[in-house]
Amino acid sequence: MIPPGRRKVPAISRPTSKDVAQEAGVSQSTVSLVLGGKWTGRVSPATARSVRIAAERLGYRPNKAARNLRLGTTRTVLLMVPTLTAPFFGPVYTGAARVAARHGFGVVVSTWPEDDPAGTGETVDRTPRNGPWASPHEAIDGILASSMAASTTATTVGGALREYRLTPAVMLDSGPAGDRVPTVDFGVADGMRAIVEHLAALGHRRIGHVAAAVDQWTFRTRADALTAAVTALPGGTVTRASCMIDVTSAKDAAGRLLDRSDRPTALVCDDDLIAAGAYKAARARGLDVPADLSVTGFDDVLLATALEPELTTVRLPAEELGTQGMTALLDLLAGRRPPPRTLPGELIVRGSTAPPAPGDKDPRTP
């Protein structure tokens, strides 16, 4: 009931394609062809122009939700990442979203339903989650699955997220998958070899590895490549301590290596955040970086240049990972089979590496 003294305001109706058709003097199907960009060869240019003018005059905008419902698609891609707190995954989203937007898709982000998937010490509920959708396989058109755990990779996306097993997917930074699912990976093994080559040229032979205690292909590959490259050096040795991807945990792990009688002359860290913990461990023991100890990271996030001295690290093109992943997924949705792609990293030499102290230098090096 309308209170006394107040007038009922008539609802403003949204113009429809029927209104546009009447305004332009054509059928609704002609309006759909023109505004859907499918009129060439079926509608005259003059008629197409009349339809567009009528739509603009009426302020008509196509109802994308209704269109998607008719087509059986939401034009939505799900980007699955291990954690939302790591700075690395922001650029991955940016790259994916930029390509998606150009093709009329949106990207939503969620985390893997795994126990502590990123090695942060946080526990994540393992109960399968559908997010805001009652029927996820109907609400999501495709998945970009980033940095999956090794146990997940063995059974592809369907093993980790059973409710999405029928959804097209591309794996990012999760390792080769044969013919099962398209992949886009980083060349992390080459990145580790570049670090070892750099340290060896400086004269380092005793290398400590502050390794991420995370069951993912990328970290297992880094460890394997580092071990192989160092042990191939004359007199090369590797000692290893594991930690969560957290400054405090990394400081403790680096400290265990620095307290050894055969203290490493260089610490190779699996992540730039781990390197920050290594800096703290060195300074707590009165060691100068890089005069007494060289430190390297991996990823080249903003933290790398916030540290003092700035961190020598391997730059991984995170935004390009999202770009290439989304491109591959669009190929997959179009019925094509995208080939595996590998994105190379780049060694960025800064102030955290130097020749070992004279008493620590291997006599076999120049």
Protein backbone atom coordinates (compact mmCIF):
# COMPACT_ATOMS: atom_id res chain seq x y z
CA MET A 1 0.00 0.00 0.00
CA ILE A 2 1.34 3.46 -0.93
CA PRO A 3 1.48 5.89 2.05
CA PRO A 4 -0.77 8.98 1.77
CA GLY A 5 0.88 11.88 -0.01
CA ARG A 6 3.30 9.68 -1.97
CA ARG A 7 2.94 8.84 -5.62
CA LYS A 8 3.84 5.50 -7.11
CA VAL A 9 6.88 5.89 -9.35
CA PRO A 10 6.50 3.85 -12.52
CA ALA A 11 9.21 1.29 -13.10
CA ILE A 12 11.61 2.13 -15.90
CA SER A 13 11.68 -0.83 -18.27
CA ARG A 14 14.93 -1.86 -19.86
CA PRO A 15 14.82 -1.79 -23.66
CA THR A 16 14.77 -5.22 -25.26
CA SER A 17 15.83 -6.60 -28.61
CA LYS A 18 12.14 -6.56 -29.54
CA ASP A 19 12.10 -2.79 -28.98
CA VAL A 20 15.18 -2.40 -31.18
CA ALA A 21 13.57 -4.52 -33.88
CA GLN A 22 10.43 -2.36 -33.86
CA GLU A 23 12.49 0.85 -33.92
CA ALA A 24 14.58 -0.35 -36.86
CA GLY A 25 11.71 -2.04 -38.68
CA VAL A 26 13.37 -5.46 -38.75
CA SER A 27 12.92 -8.85 -37.09
CA GLN A 28 14.40 -9.81 -33.70
CA SER A 29 16.57 -12.41 -35.41
CA THR A 30 18.10 -9.66 -37.54
CA VAL A 31 18.87 -7.66 -34.39
CA SER A 32 20.57 -10.71 -32.88
CA LEU A 33 22.67 -11.24 -36.00
CA VAL A 34 23.79 -7.61 -36.17
CA LEU A 35 24.54 -7.09 -32.48
CA GLY A 36 26.12 -10.52 -32.25
CA GLY A 37 28.55 -9.63 -35.05
CA LYS A 38 27.26 -12.39 -37.34
CA TRP A 39 25.47 -10.30 -39.97
CA THR A 40 28.08 -10.22 -42.74
CA GLY A 41 26.69 -11.88 -45.86
CA ARG A 42 23.26 -12.28 -44.25
CA VAL A 43 22.15 -8.69 -43.64
CA SER A 44 22.82 -5.65 -45.80
CA PRO A 45 25.22 -3.00 -44.47
CA ALA A 46 22.40 -0.44 -44.52
CA THR A 47 20.16 -2.65 -42.38
CA ALA A 48 23.01 -3.38 -39.96
CA ARG A 49 23.64 0.35 -39.61
CA SER A 50 19.92 0.97 -38.92
CA VAL A 51 19.91 -1.67 -36.19
CA ARG A 52 22.99 -0.21 -34.50
CA ILE A 53 21.53 3.32 -34.64
CA ALA A 54 18.24 2.08 -33.16
CA ALA A 55 20.05 0.23 -30.36
CA GLU A 56 22.11 3.32 -29.53
CA ARG A 57 19.05 5.59 -29.59
CA LEU A 58 17.16 3.32 -27.17
CA GLY A 59 20.18 2.69 -24.96
CA TYR A 60 19.92 -1.05 -25.55
CA ARG A 61 22.60 -3.33 -24.10
CA PRO A 62 22.56 -7.11 -24.69
CA ASN A 63 21.84 -9.18 -21.58
CA LYS A 64 25.03 -11.24 -21.39
CA ALA A 65 23.73 -13.43 -18.56
CA ALA A 66 20.69 -14.45 -20.59
CA ARG A 67 22.83 -15.03 -23.68
CA ASN A 68 25.23 -17.22 -21.76
CA LEU A 69 22.34 -19.18 -20.28
CA ARG A 70 21.01 -19.90 -23.77
CA LEU A 71 24.45 -20.98 -24.95
CA GLY A 72 25.07 -23.17 -21.89
CA THR A 73 28.17 -21.25 -20.83
CA THR A 74 29.12 -18.74 -18.13
CA ARG A 75 32.32 -17.59 -19.86
CA THR A 76 34.05 -17.95 -16.52
CA VAL A 77 37.48 -19.47 -15.86
CA LEU A 78 38.64 -20.67 -12.46
CA LEU A 79 42.29 -19.99 -11.55
CA MET A 80 43.37 -22.37 -8.79
CA VAL A 81 46.48 -21.38 -6.80
CA PRO A 82 48.13 -22.76 -3.65
CA THR A 83 47.72 -19.55 -1.64
CA LEU A 84 46.32 -16.05 -2.00
CA THR A 85 49.02 -14.49 0.19
CA ALA A 86 52.11 -15.12 -1.97
CA PRO A 87 52.95 -12.08 -4.15
CA PHE A 88 53.92 -14.33 -7.06
CA PHE A 89 50.34 -15.24 -8.00
CA GLY A 90 49.05 -11.69 -8.47
CA PRO A 91 50.82 -11.27 -11.83
CA VAL A 92 49.67 -14.75 -12.89
CA TYR A 93 46.08 -13.60 -12.43
CA THR A 94 46.79 -10.31 -14.24
CA GLY A 95 48.12 -12.11 -17.31
CA ALA A 96 45.23 -14.58 -17.42
CA ALA A 97 42.55 -11.94 -16.83
CA ARG A 98 43.88 -9.64 -19.57
CA VAL A 99 43.66 -12.37 -22.23
CA ALA A 100 40.31 -13.60 -20.89
CA ALA A 101 38.77 -10.13 -21.05
CA ARG A 102 39.74 -9.75 -24.70
CA HIS A 103 37.67 -12.85 -25.44
CA GLY A 104 34.69 -12.05 -23.24
CA PHE A 105 35.68 -14.28 -20.30
CA GLY A 106 36.05 -13.49 -16.63
CA VAL A 107 38.51 -15.09 -14.19
CA VAL A 108 37.79 -16.02 -10.57
CA VAL A 109 40.46 -17.22 -8.13
CA SER A 110 40.40 -19.88 -5.44
CA THR A 111 42.92 -21.99 -3.51
CA TRP A 112 43.60 -25.69 -3.76
CA PRO A 113 41.69 -27.79 -1.20
CA GLU A 114 44.87 -29.27 0.25
CA ASP A 115 46.49 -29.36 3.67
CA ASP A 116 49.00 -26.47 3.70
CA PRO A 117 49.47 -26.48 -0.09
CA ALA A 118 51.96 -23.61 -0.11
CA GLY A 119 54.06 -24.72 2.84
CA THR A 120 53.03 -21.67 4.85
CA GLY A 121 52.14 -23.53 8.03
CA GLU A 122 48.45 -22.77 7.53
CA THR A 123 45.95 -25.62 7.36
CA VAL A 124 43.28 -25.54 4.69
CA ASP A 125 40.01 -27.47 4.95
CA ARG A 126 40.19 -30.49 2.66
CA THR A 127 36.44 -30.64 2.20
CA PRO A 128 35.67 -30.20 -1.52
CA ARG A 129 34.40 -26.68 -2.09
CA ASN A 130 32.13 -25.55 -4.88
CA GLY A 131 32.72 -21.87 -4.17
CA PRO A 132 29.61 -19.76 -4.90
CA TRP A 133 28.17 -22.31 -7.33
CA ALA A 134 25.70 -25.07 -6.58
CA SER A 135 26.87 -27.06 -9.61
CA PRO A 136 30.53 -26.20 -10.37
CA HIS A 137 30.92 -28.21 -13.57
CA GLU A 138 28.06 -26.18 -15.04
CA ALA A 139 29.26 -22.82 -13.67
CA ILE A 140 32.91 -22.98 -14.82
CA ASP A 141 33.95 -23.23 -18.46
CA GLY A 142 37.63 -23.97 -17.82
CA ILE A 143 40.33 -24.23 -15.16
CA LEU A 144 43.86 -22.91 -14.89
CA ALA A 145 45.50 -25.11 -12.25
CA SER A 146 48.68 -23.52 -10.90
CA SER A 147 51.48 -25.11 -8.86
CA MET A 148 49.78 -28.38 -8.02
CA ALA A 149 51.16 -30.75 -5.44
CA ALA A 150 53.09 -33.74 -6.81
CA SER A 151 50.42 -36.15 -5.57
CA THR A 152 47.77 -34.07 -7.35
CA THR A 153 49.73 -33.91 -10.58
CA ALA A 154 49.87 -37.69 -10.72
CA THR A 155 46.09 -37.86 -11.12
CA THR A 156 45.58 -34.49 -12.92
CA VAL A 157 43.03 -31.92 -11.92
CA GLY A 158 40.21 -34.45 -11.58
CA GLY A 159 41.97 -36.18 -8.70
CA ALA A 160 42.23 -33.03 -6.61
CA LEU A 161 38.90 -31.44 -7.50
CA ARG A 162 36.54 -34.27 -8.28
CA GLU A 163 33.63 -31.91 -8.88
CA TYR A 164 35.54 -30.38 -11.83
CA ARG A 165 36.66 -33.59 -13.48
CA LEU A 166 34.64 -32.91 -16.65
CA THR A 167 35.90 -29.33 -17.02
CA PRO A 168 38.65 -28.50 -19.57
CA ALA A 169 41.87 -27.58 -17.75
CA VAL A 170 45.41 -26.35 -18.32
CA MET A 171 48.13 -26.96 -15.72
CA LEU A 172 50.55 -24.13 -14.86
CA ASP A 173 54.00 -24.63 -13.30
CA SER A 174 53.02 -28.19 -12.38
CA GLY A 175 55.32 -30.25 -14.60
CA PRO A 176 54.92 -32.32 -17.76
CA ALA A 177 51.68 -34.27 -18.04
CA GLY A 178 52.16 -36.21 -21.27
CA ASP A 179 49.00 -36.22 -23.36
CA ARG A 180 46.63 -36.01 -20.40
CA VAL A 181 46.29 -32.24 -20.09
CA PRO A 182 47.94 -29.16 -21.68
CA THR A 183 50.75 -27.60 -19.63
CA VAL A 184 52.64 -24.31 -19.34
CA ASP A 185 55.76 -24.54 -17.17
CA PHE A 186 58.77 -22.48 -16.18
CA GLY A 187 62.27 -23.60 -17.09
CA VAL A 188 63.18 -23.87 -13.40
CA ALA A 189 65.92 -26.46 -13.93
CA ASP A 190 67.75 -24.11 -16.28
CA GLY A 191 67.29 -21.34 -13.73
CA MET A 192 68.98 -23.38 -11.02
CA ARG A 193 71.80 -24.33 -13.35
CA ALA A 194 72.33 -20.63 -14.13
CA ILE A 195 72.63 -19.89 -10.39
CA VAL A 196 75.20 -22.65 -9.91
CA GLU A 197 77.19 -21.47 -12.93
CA HIS A 198 77.23 -17.94 -11.51
CA LEU A 199 78.32 -19.05 -8.03
CA ALA A 200 80.94 -21.44 -9.42
CA ALA A 201 82.44 -18.65 -11.53
CA LEU A 202 82.81 -16.64 -8.33
CA GLY A 203 84.66 -19.53 -6.71
CA HIS A 204 81.97 -21.15 -4.54
CA ARG A 205 81.99 -24.90 -4.06
CA ARG A 206 80.24 -25.44 -0.69
CA ILE A 207 76.61 -24.69 -1.45
CA GLY A 208 73.77 -24.73 1.06
CA HIS A 209 70.25 -25.26 -0.24
CA VAL A 210 67.45 -23.67 1.81
CA ALA A 211 64.66 -25.73 0.26
CA ALA A 212 60.90 -25.18 0.34
CA ALA A 213 59.20 -28.04 2.17
CA VAL A 214 56.42 -28.12 -0.41
CA ASP A 215 55.44 -31.20 -2.42
CA GLN A 216 55.31 -29.54 -5.84
CA TRP A 217 56.98 -30.34 -9.14
CA THR A 218 58.68 -26.95 -9.33
CA PHE A 219 60.53 -27.37 -6.02
CA ARG A 220 61.51 -31.00 -6.64
CA THR A 221 62.88 -29.98 -10.03
CA ARG A 222 64.86 -27.11 -8.51
CA ALA A 223 66.41 -29.44 -5.91
CA ASP A 224 67.35 -32.08 -8.48
CA ALA A 225 68.89 -29.55 -10.86
CA LEU A 226 70.87 -27.87 -8.08
CA THR A 227 72.26 -31.15 -6.77
CA ALA A 228 73.28 -32.35 -10.22
CA ALA A 229 74.96 -29.06 -11.14
CA VAL A 230 76.90 -28.68 -7.89
CA THR A 231 78.10 -32.27 -7.64
CA ALA A 232 79.38 -31.98 -11.21
CA LEU A 233 81.82 -29.29 -10.03
CA PRO A 234 85.28 -30.38 -8.85
CA GLY A 235 84.97 -30.40 -5.07
CA GLY A 236 81.34 -29.31 -5.18
CA THR A 237 79.14 -30.26 -2.20
CA VAL A 238 75.50 -29.56 -1.33
CA THR A 239 73.97 -29.46 2.13
CA ARG A 240 70.24 -28.98 2.49
CA ALA A 241 67.74 -27.78 5.10
CA SER A 242 64.00 -27.53 4.48
CA CYS A 243 61.54 -24.89 5.63
CA MET A 244 58.12 -23.46 5.02
CA ILE A 245 57.89 -20.47 2.70
CA ASP A 246 58.04 -18.11 5.64
CA VAL A 247 60.77 -15.78 6.91
CA THR A 248 60.93 -17.24 10.42
CA SER A 249 61.04 -20.85 9.25
CA ALA A 250 63.62 -19.94 6.59
CA LYS A 251 65.79 -18.17 9.16
CA ASP A 252 65.83 -21.34 11.31
CA ALA A 253 66.65 -23.59 8.35
CA ALA A 254 69.44 -21.29 7.10
CA GLY A 255 70.80 -21.12 10.64
CA ARG A 256 71.13 -24.89 10.78
CA LEU A 257 73.31 -24.77 7.67
CA LEU A 258 75.40 -21.84 8.90
CA ASP A 259 76.09 -23.57 12.24
CA ARG A 260 77.73 -26.56 10.56
CA SER A 261 81.48 -27.01 10.86
CA ASP A 262 81.63 -27.08 7.04
CA ARG A 263 79.57 -23.92 6.70
CA PRO A 264 78.45 -23.20 3.11
CA THR A 265 79.93 -20.15 1.42
CA ALA A 266 76.68 -19.58 -0.48
CA LEU A 267 73.01 -20.24 0.28
CA VAL A 268 70.71 -21.00 -2.64
CA CYS A 269 67.11 -20.35 -1.63
CA ASP A 270 64.03 -21.75 -3.37
CA ASP A 271 62.12 -18.48 -3.03
CA ASP A 272 62.87 -14.79 -2.47
CA LEU A 273 60.96 -14.86 0.83
CA ILE A 274 63.17 -17.73 1.98
CA ALA A 275 66.20 -15.64 1.03
CA ALA A 276 64.97 -12.89 3.38
CA GLY A 277 65.08 -15.43 6.20
CA ALA A 278 68.62 -16.42 5.15
CA TYR A 279 69.69 -12.76 5.41
CA LYS A 280 68.39 -12.64 8.97
CA ALA A 281 70.16 -15.89 9.91
CA ALA A 282 73.46 -14.57 8.52
CA ARG A 283 73.24 -11.28 10.36
CA ALA A 284 72.29 -13.00 13.60
CA ARG A 285 75.68 -14.76 13.36
CA GLY A 286 77.63 -11.66 12.45
CA LEU A 287 78.05 -12.69 8.81
CA ASP A 288 78.02 -10.03 6.10
CA VAL A 289 76.12 -10.57 2.85
CA PRO A 290 77.93 -10.94 0.46
CA ALA A 291 81.45 -10.54 1.96
CA ASP A 292 81.09 -13.59 4.23
CA LEU A 293 78.13 -15.32 2.61
CA SER A 294 76.47 -15.16 -0.81
CA VAL A 295 72.70 -15.60 -0.99
CA THR A 296 70.45 -16.20 -3.99
CA GLY A 297 66.67 -16.37 -4.37
CA PHE A 298 64.14 -17.48 -6.96
CA ASP A 299 61.11 -15.74 -8.59
CA ASP A 300 62.22 -12.07 -8.47
CA VAL A 301 59.21 -10.63 -6.66
CA LEU A 302 59.29 -7.03 -5.40
CA LEU A 303 60.92 -8.16 -2.15
CA ALA A 304 64.12 -8.96 -4.07
CA THR A 305 64.92 -5.28 -4.54
CA ALA A 306 63.66 -4.28 -1.08
CA LEU A 307 66.37 -6.36 0.60
CA GLU A 308 69.77 -4.82 1.32
CA PRO A 309 71.88 -5.73 -0.52
CA GLU A 310 69.47 -6.35 -3.38
CA LEU A 311 69.02 -10.03 -4.10
CA THR A 312 70.56 -12.06 -6.90
CA THR A 313 67.70 -14.24 -8.10
CA VAL A 314 66.03 -15.93 -11.07
CA ARG A 315 63.23 -13.91 -12.61
CA LEU A 316 60.25 -16.05 -13.56
CA PRO A 317 57.76 -14.39 -15.96
CA ALA A 318 54.68 -14.84 -13.76
CA GLU A 319 52.40 -12.61 -15.81
CA GLU A 320 53.42 -14.42 -18.99
CA LEU A 321 52.52 -17.72 -17.28
CA GLY A 322 48.97 -16.46 -16.86
CA THR A 323 48.90 -15.10 -20.41
CA GLN A 324 50.14 -18.32 -22.00
CA GLY A 325 47.94 -20.45 -19.76
CA MET A 326 44.78 -18.56 -20.69
CA THR A 327 45.74 -18.66 -24.37
CA ALA A 328 46.18 -22.43 -24.18
CA LEU A 329 42.84 -22.82 -22.40
CA LEU A 330 41.04 -20.79 -25.07
CA ASP A 331 42.62 -23.06 -27.69
CA LEU A 332 41.36 -26.08 -25.76
CA LEU A 333 37.84 -24.66 -25.49
CA ALA A 334 37.90 -24.03 -29.25
CA GLY A 335 38.58 -27.71 -29.89
CA ARG A 336 42.30 -27.39 -30.52
CA ARG A 337 45.05 -29.26 -28.66
CA PRO A 338 47.68 -26.74 -27.47
CA PRO A 339 51.24 -28.08 -27.25
CA PRO A 340 53.25 -27.98 -23.98
CA ARG A 341 54.94 -24.63 -23.41
CA THR A 342 58.02 -23.78 -21.34
CA LEU A 343 58.85 -20.22 -20.31
CA PRO A 344 62.53 -19.52 -19.60
CA GLY A 345 63.67 -17.71 -16.48
CA GLU A 346 66.42 -15.09 -16.35
CA LEU A 347 69.29 -14.84 -13.88
CA ILE A 348 69.32 -11.34 -12.35
CA VAL A 349 72.67 -10.65 -10.71
CA ARG A 350 72.55 -8.05 -7.93
CA GLY A 351 74.52 -7.29 -4.80
CA SER A 352 73.97 -10.42 -2.71
CA THR A 353 76.64 -12.56 -4.40
CA ALA A 354 80.41 -12.14 -4.43
CA PRO A 355 83.53 -14.35 -4.34
CA PRO A 356 83.92 -16.29 -1.08
CA ALA A 357 86.17 -14.90 1.63
CA PRO A 358 89.87 -15.74 0.97
CA GLY A 359 89.96 -18.42 3.65
CA ASP A 360 86.83 -20.09 2.27
CA LYS A 361 87.73 -20.14 -1.42
CA ASP A 362 88.36 -23.54 -2.97
CA PRO A 363 92.05 -23.73 -4.01
CA ARG A 364 91.08 -25.41 -7.30
CA THR A 365 89.22 -22.29 -8.51
CA PRO A 366 91.06 -19.50 -10.37
